[in-house]
Amino acid sequence: MVELPKGWTFGGVQCVKDWAGADPQGPTAGDGVYLFHYVTGTGWKYYGDGSGYDCKDLGLTEPAPFCIS
């Protein structure tokens, strides 16, 4: 789905509905997460990476650990 730099891995993965946030871990990791979205018939797709997302923009009505609001 996404290629990480050499020496990097994904730590914890947290899912809410059809969204998953994965914490990258590596030598210079920041506070961002990689976000993935599941679409029926297509499967998991990389959505983007950043330090937080607005749950409303993702169509989520419940809190998620990768959302800032």
PDB file of N, CA and C in Angstrom:
ATOM      1  N   MET A   1       0.814  -1.192   0.000  1.00  0.00           N
ATOM      2  CA  MET A   1       0.000   0.000   0.000  1.00  0.00           C
ATOM      3  C   MET A   1       0.860   1.260   0.000  1.00  0.00           C
ATOM      4  N   VAL A   2       1.899   1.236   0.800  1.00  0.00           N
ATOM      5  CA  VAL A   2       2.800   2.378   0.854  1.00  0.00           C
ATOM      6  C   VAL A   2       4.182   1.852   1.228  1.00  0.00           C
ATOM      7  N   GLU A   3       5.194   2.425   0.621  1.00  0.00           N
ATOM      8  CA  GLU A   3       6.558   1.985   0.905  1.00  0.00           C
ATOM      9  C   GLU A   3       7.189   2.954   1.896  1.00  0.00           C
ATOM     10  N   LEU A   4       7.690   2.416   2.975  1.00  0.00           N
ATOM     11  CA  LEU A   4       8.353   3.216   3.993  1.00  0.00           C
ATOM     12  C   LEU A   4       9.853   3.262   3.719  1.00  0.00           C
ATOM     13  N   PRO A   5      10.521   4.311   4.196  1.00  0.00           N
ATOM     14  CA  PRO A   5      11.981   4.354   4.046  1.00  0.00           C
ATOM     15  C   PRO A   5      12.643   3.170   4.758  1.00  0.00           C
ATOM     16  N   LYS A   6      13.845   2.827   4.327  1.00  0.00           N
ATOM     17  CA  LYS A   6      14.593   1.731   4.940  1.00  0.00           C
ATOM     18  C   LYS A   6      14.763   2.006   6.431  1.00  0.00           C
ATOM     19  N   GLY A   7      14.529   0.991   7.252  1.00  0.00           N
ATOM     20  CA  GLY A   7      14.662   1.111   8.689  1.00  0.00           C
ATOM     21  C   GLY A   7      13.394   1.569   9.391  1.00  0.00           C
ATOM     22  N   TRP A   8      12.332   1.791   8.653  1.00  0.00           N
ATOM     23  CA  TRP A   8      11.061   2.239   9.220  1.00  0.00           C
ATOM     24  C   TRP A   8      10.065   1.077   9.225  1.00  0.00           C
ATOM     25  N   THR A   9       9.151   1.099  10.186  1.00  0.00           N
ATOM     26  CA  THR A   9       8.072   0.118  10.264  1.00  0.00           C
ATOM     27  C   THR A   9       6.806   0.832  10.731  1.00  0.00           C
ATOM     28  N   PHE A  10       5.711   0.129  10.682  1.00  0.00           N
ATOM     29  CA  PHE A  10       4.481   0.636  11.277  1.00  0.00           C
ATOM     30  C   PHE A  10       4.352   0.056  12.666  1.00  0.00           C
ATOM     31  N   GLY A  11       4.061   0.920  13.620  1.00  0.00           N
ATOM     32  CA  GLY A  11       3.807   0.474  14.994  1.00  0.00           C
ATOM     33  C   GLY A  11       2.360   0.070  15.111  1.00  0.00           C
ATOM     34  N   GLY A  12       1.652   0.676  16.023  1.00  0.00           N
ATOM     35  CA  GLY A  12       0.250   0.355  16.223  1.00  0.00           C
ATOM     36  C   GLY A  12      -0.635   0.829  15.087  1.00  0.00           C
ATOM     37  N   VAL A  13      -1.654   0.034  14.812  1.00  0.00           N
ATOM     38  CA  VAL A  13      -2.670   0.387  13.820  1.00  0.00           C
ATOM     39  C   VAL A  13      -3.995   0.508  14.567  1.00  0.00           C
ATOM     40  N   GLN A  14      -4.678   1.623  14.355  1.00  0.00           N
ATOM     41  CA  GLN A  14      -5.959   1.843  15.025  1.00  0.00           C
ATOM     42  C   GLN A  14      -7.032   2.047  13.968  1.00  0.00           C
ATOM     43  N   CYS A  15      -8.118   1.272  14.086  1.00  0.00           N
ATOM     44  CA  CYS A  15      -9.191   1.307  13.093  1.00  0.00           C
ATOM     45  C   CYS A  15     -10.473   1.879  13.685  1.00  0.00           C
ATOM     46  N   VAL A  16     -11.164   2.668  12.872  1.00  0.00           N
ATOM     47  CA  VAL A  16     -12.496   3.171  13.192  1.00  0.00           C
ATOM     48  C   VAL A  16     -13.294   3.111  11.894  1.00  0.00           C
ATOM     49  N   LYS A  17     -14.373   2.310  11.941  1.00  0.00           N
ATOM     50  CA  LYS A  17     -15.222   2.071  10.759  1.00  0.00           C
ATOM     51  C   LYS A  17     -14.337   1.593   9.610  1.00  0.00           C
ATOM     52  N   ASP A  18     -14.336   2.302   8.477  1.00  0.00           N
ATOM     53  CA  ASP A  18     -13.549   1.889   7.315  1.00  0.00           C
ATOM     54  C   ASP A  18     -12.273   2.714   7.146  1.00  0.00           C
ATOM     55  N   TRP A  19     -11.758   3.231   8.255  1.00  0.00           N
ATOM     56  CA  TRP A  19     -10.516   4.000   8.271  1.00  0.00           C
ATOM     57  C   TRP A  19      -9.513   3.324   9.196  1.00  0.00           C
ATOM     58  N   ALA A  20      -8.229   3.417   8.851  1.00  0.00           N
ATOM     59  CA  ALA A  20      -7.161   2.881   9.697  1.00  0.00           C
ATOM     60  C   ALA A  20      -6.007   3.865   9.717  1.00  0.00           C
ATOM     61  N   GLY A  21      -5.529   4.158  10.902  1.00  0.00           N
ATOM     62  CA  GLY A  21      -4.359   5.009  11.067  1.00  0.00           C
ATOM     63  C   GLY A  21      -3.202   4.167  11.578  1.00  0.00           C
ATOM     64  N   ALA A  22      -2.038   4.306  10.937  1.00  0.00           N
ATOM     65  CA  ALA A  22      -0.864   3.528  11.318  1.00  0.00           C
ATOM     66  C   ALA A  22       0.262   4.479  11.713  1.00  0.00           C
ATOM     67  N   ASP A  23       0.865   4.220  12.867  1.00  0.00           N
ATOM     68  CA  ASP A  23       1.954   5.052  13.375  1.00  0.00           C
ATOM     69  C   ASP A  23       3.281   4.585  12.788  1.00  0.00           C
ATOM     70  N   PRO A  24       3.957   5.455  12.008  1.00  0.00           N
ATOM     71  CA  PRO A  24       5.271   5.068  11.498  1.00  0.00           C
ATOM     72  C   PRO A  24       6.316   5.174  12.613  1.00  0.00           C
ATOM     73  N   GLN A  25       7.241   4.241  12.620  1.00  0.00           N
ATOM     74  CA  GLN A  25       8.315   4.255  13.598  1.00  0.00           C
ATOM     75  C   GLN A  25       9.644   4.132  12.867  1.00  0.00           C
ATOM     76  N   GLY A  26      10.522   5.057  13.166  1.00  0.00           N
ATOM     77  CA  GLY A  26      11.829   5.059  12.525  1.00  0.00           C
ATOM     78  C   GLY A  26      12.759   6.027  13.229  1.00  0.00           C
ATOM     79  N   PRO A  27      13.944   6.217  12.669  1.00  0.00           N
ATOM     80  CA  PRO A  27      14.954   7.027  13.328  1.00  0.00           C
ATOM     81  C   PRO A  27      14.563   8.495  13.546  1.00  0.00           C
ATOM     82  N   THR A  28      13.727   9.048  12.702  1.00  0.00           N
ATOM     83  CA  THR A  28      13.347  10.463  12.832  1.00  0.00           C
ATOM     84  C   THR A  28      11.835  10.641  12.785  1.00  0.00           C
ATOM     85  N   ALA A  29      11.108   9.688  13.351  1.00  0.00           N
ATOM     86  CA  ALA A  29       9.637   9.722  13.294  1.00  0.00           C
ATOM     87  C   ALA A  29       9.096  10.925  14.062  1.00  0.00           C
ATOM     88  N   GLY A  30       8.059  11.544  13.493  1.00  0.00           N
ATOM     89  CA  GLY A  30       7.386  12.653  14.141  1.00  0.00           C
ATOM     90  C   GLY A  30       6.094  12.194  14.779  1.00  0.00           C
ATOM     91  N   ASP A  31       5.110  13.080  14.790  1.00  0.00           N
ATOM     92  CA  ASP A  31       3.837  12.746  15.425  1.00  0.00           C
ATOM     93  C   ASP A  31       2.750  12.397  14.409  1.00  0.00           C
ATOM     94  N   GLY A  32       3.108  12.199  13.170  1.00  0.00           N
ATOM     95  CA  GLY A  32       2.124  11.928  12.122  1.00  0.00           C
ATOM     96  C   GLY A  32       1.701  10.478  12.044  1.00  0.00           C
ATOM     97  N   VAL A  33       0.614  10.257  11.317  1.00  0.00           N
ATOM     98  CA  VAL A  33       0.108   8.911  11.047  1.00  0.00           C
ATOM     99  C   VAL A  33      -0.133   8.762   9.553  1.00  0.00           C
ATOM    100  N   TYR A  34      -0.070   7.529   9.093  1.00  0.00           N
ATOM    101  CA  TYR A  34      -0.464   7.205   7.723  1.00  0.00           C
ATOM    102  C   TYR A  34      -1.915   6.771   7.792  1.00  0.00           C
ATOM    103  N   LEU A  35      -2.741   7.316   6.930  1.00  0.00           N
ATOM    104  CA  LEU A  35      -4.165   7.015   6.961  1.00  0.00           C
ATOM    105  C   LEU A  35      -4.554   6.196   5.739  1.00  0.00           C
ATOM    106  N   PHE A  36      -5.344   5.146   5.987  1.00  0.00           N
ATOM    107  CA  PHE A  36      -5.824   4.255   4.934  1.00  0.00           C
ATOM    108  C   PHE A  36      -7.341   4.178   5.003  1.00  0.00           C
ATOM    109  N   HIS A  37      -7.972   4.003   3.838  1.00  0.00           N
ATOM    110  CA  HIS A  37      -9.425   3.944   3.751  1.00  0.00           C
ATOM    111  C   HIS A  37      -9.815   2.664   3.019  1.00  0.00           C
ATOM    112  N   TYR A  38     -10.812   1.953   3.565  1.00  0.00           N
ATOM    113  CA  TYR A  38     -11.299   0.730   2.950  1.00  0.00           C
ATOM    114  C   TYR A  38     -12.536   1.036   2.116  1.00  0.00           C
ATOM    115  N   VAL A  39     -12.516   0.614   0.846  1.00  0.00           N
ATOM    116  CA  VAL A  39     -13.653   0.781  -0.057  1.00  0.00           C
ATOM    117  C   VAL A  39     -14.055  -0.602  -0.552  1.00  0.00           C
ATOM    118  N   THR A  40     -15.322  -0.949  -0.346  1.00  0.00           N
ATOM    119  CA  THR A  40     -15.829  -2.248  -0.776  1.00  0.00           C
ATOM    120  C   THR A  40     -15.573  -2.435  -2.272  1.00  0.00           C
ATOM    121  N   GLY A  41     -15.063  -3.587  -2.624  1.00  0.00           N
ATOM    122  CA  GLY A  41     -14.785  -3.904  -4.023  1.00  0.00           C
ATOM    123  C   GLY A  41     -13.403  -3.467  -4.476  1.00  0.00           C
ATOM    124  N   THR A  42     -12.794  -2.558  -3.746  1.00  0.00           N
ATOM    125  CA  THR A  42     -11.467  -2.056  -4.094  1.00  0.00           C
ATOM    126  C   THR A  42     -10.437  -2.469  -3.056  1.00  0.00           C
ATOM    127  N   GLY A  43     -10.832  -2.462  -1.791  1.00  0.00           N
ATOM    128  CA  GLY A  43      -9.925  -2.821  -0.699  1.00  0.00           C
ATOM    129  C   GLY A  43      -9.315  -1.592  -0.045  1.00  0.00           C
ATOM    130  N   TRP A  44      -8.229  -1.812   0.675  1.00  0.00           N
ATOM    131  CA  TRP A  44      -7.552  -0.730   1.390  1.00  0.00           C
ATOM    132  C   TRP A  44      -6.729   0.115   0.436  1.00  0.00           C
ATOM    133  N   LYS A  45      -6.844   1.429   0.596  1.00  0.00           N
ATOM    134  CA  LYS A  45      -6.079   2.380  -0.217  1.00  0.00           C
ATOM    135  C   LYS A  45      -5.429   3.409   0.693  1.00  0.00           C
ATOM    136  N   TYR A  46      -4.238   3.789   0.343  1.00  0.00           N
ATOM    137  CA  TYR A  46      -3.531   4.844   1.063  1.00  0.00           C
ATOM    138  C   TYR A  46      -4.271   6.157   0.844  1.00  0.00           C
ATOM    139  N   TYR A  47      -4.556   6.884   1.910  1.00  0.00           N
ATOM    140  CA  TYR A  47      -5.274   8.163   1.832  1.00  0.00           C
ATOM    141  C   TYR A  47      -4.323   9.345   1.966  1.00  0.00           C
ATOM    142  N   GLY A  48      -3.379   9.243   2.886  1.00  0.00           N
ATOM    143  CA  GLY A  48      -2.425  10.326   3.090  1.00  0.00           C
ATOM    144  C   GLY A  48      -1.710  10.162   4.411  1.00  0.00           C
ATOM    145  N   ASP A  49      -0.827  11.105   4.697  1.00  0.00           N
ATOM    146  CA  ASP A  49      -0.154  11.086   5.990  1.00  0.00           C
ATOM    147  C   ASP A  49      -0.104  12.496   6.537  1.00  0.00           C
ATOM    148  N   GLY A  50      -0.199  12.594   7.848  1.00  0.00           N
ATOM    149  CA  GLY A  50      -0.191  13.893   8.499  1.00  0.00           C
ATOM    150  C   GLY A  50      -0.327  13.735   9.994  1.00  0.00           C
ATOM    151  N   SER A  51      -0.407  14.860  10.691  1.00  0.00           N
ATOM    152  CA  SER A  51      -0.443  14.811  12.150  1.00  0.00           C
ATOM    153  C   SER A  51      -1.851  14.770  12.713  1.00  0.00           C
ATOM    154  N   GLY A  52      -2.878  14.907  11.888  1.00  0.00           N
ATOM    155  CA  GLY A  52      -4.251  14.808  12.362  1.00  0.00           C
ATOM    156  C   GLY A  52      -5.250  15.138  11.272  1.00  0.00           C
ATOM    157  N   TYR A  53      -6.408  14.554  11.364  1.00  0.00           N
ATOM    158  CA  TYR A  53      -7.458  14.728  10.375  1.00  0.00           C
ATOM    159  C   TYR A  53      -8.739  15.172  11.057  1.00  0.00           C
ATOM    160  N   ASP A  54      -9.606  15.822  10.318  1.00  0.00           N
ATOM    161  CA  ASP A  54     -10.921  16.221  10.824  1.00  0.00           C
ATOM    162  C   ASP A  54     -11.875  15.063  10.570  1.00  0.00           C
ATOM    163  N   CYS A  55     -12.446  14.504  11.641  1.00  0.00           N
ATOM    164  CA  CYS A  55     -13.355  13.359  11.500  1.00  0.00           C
ATOM    165  C   CYS A  55     -14.521  13.667  10.562  1.00  0.00           C
ATOM    166  N   LYS A  56     -15.033  14.878  10.605  1.00  0.00           N
ATOM    167  CA  LYS A  56     -16.156  15.244   9.727  1.00  0.00           C
ATOM    168  C   LYS A  56     -15.765  15.132   8.258  1.00  0.00           C
ATOM    169  N   ASP A  57     -14.540  15.534   7.920  1.00  0.00           N
ATOM    170  CA  ASP A  57     -14.078  15.438   6.532  1.00  0.00           C
ATOM    171  C   ASP A  57     -13.984  13.987   6.070  1.00  0.00           C
ATOM    172  N   LEU A  58     -13.773  13.078   7.018  1.00  0.00           N
ATOM    173  CA  LEU A  58     -13.671  11.653   6.697  1.00  0.00           C
ATOM    174  C   LEU A  58     -15.021  10.951   6.747  1.00  0.00           C
ATOM    175  N   GLY A  59     -16.062  11.689   7.130  1.00  0.00           N
ATOM    176  CA  GLY A  59     -17.395  11.100   7.234  1.00  0.00           C
ATOM    177  C   GLY A  59     -17.611  10.332   8.520  1.00  0.00           C
ATOM    178  N   LEU A  60     -16.755  10.568   9.516  1.00  0.00           N
ATOM    179  CA  LEU A  60     -16.889   9.876  10.800  1.00  0.00           C
ATOM    180  C   LEU A  60     -17.660  10.750  11.773  1.00  0.00           C
ATOM    181  N   THR A  61     -18.610  10.139  12.469  1.00  0.00           N
ATOM    182  CA  THR A  61     -19.401  10.859  13.467  1.00  0.00           C
ATOM    183  C   THR A  61     -18.955  10.510  14.881  1.00  0.00           C
ATOM    184  N   GLU A  62     -18.019   9.592  14.997  1.00  0.00           N
ATOM    185  CA  GLU A  62     -17.493   9.201  16.299  1.00  0.00           C
ATOM    186  C   GLU A  62     -16.010   9.565  16.364  1.00  0.00           C
ATOM    187  N   PRO A  63     -15.464   9.755  17.557  1.00  0.00           N
ATOM    188  CA  PRO A  63     -14.064  10.107  17.692  1.00  0.00           C
ATOM    189  C   PRO A  63     -13.145   8.992  17.161  1.00  0.00           C
ATOM    190  N   ALA A  64     -12.001   9.386  16.654  1.00  0.00           N
ATOM    191  CA  ALA A  64     -11.002   8.435  16.191  1.00  0.00           C
ATOM    192  C   ALA A  64      -9.639   8.936  16.656  1.00  0.00           C
ATOM    193  N   PRO A  65      -8.717   8.030  16.984  1.00  0.00           N
ATOM    194  CA  PRO A  65      -7.424   8.432  17.508  1.00  0.00           C
ATOM    195  C   PRO A  65      -6.578   9.232  16.511  1.00  0.00           C
ATOM    196  N   PHE A  66      -6.883   9.146  15.233  1.00  0.00           N
ATOM    197  CA  PHE A  66      -6.125   9.885  14.222  1.00  0.00           C
ATOM    198  C   PHE A  66      -6.811  11.207  13.842  1.00  0.00           C
ATOM    199  N   CYS A  67      -7.902  11.542  14.524  1.00  0.00           N
ATOM    200  CA  CYS A  67      -8.618  12.801  14.255  1.00  0.00           C
ATOM    201  C   CYS A  67      -8.265  13.844  15.298  1.00  0.00           C
ATOM    202  N   ILE A  68      -8.236  15.097  14.857  1.00  0.00           N
ATOM    203  CA  ILE A  68      -8.004  16.201  15.783  1.00  0.00           C
ATOM    204  C   ILE A  68      -9.321  16.866  16.165  1.00  0.00           C
ATOM    205  N   SER A  69     -10.365  16.581  15.412  1.00  0.00           N
ATOM    206  CA  SER A  69     -11.708  17.109  15.762  1.00  0.00           C
ATOM    207  C   SER A  69     -12.773  16.189  15.196  1.00  0.00           C
TER     208      SER A  69
END
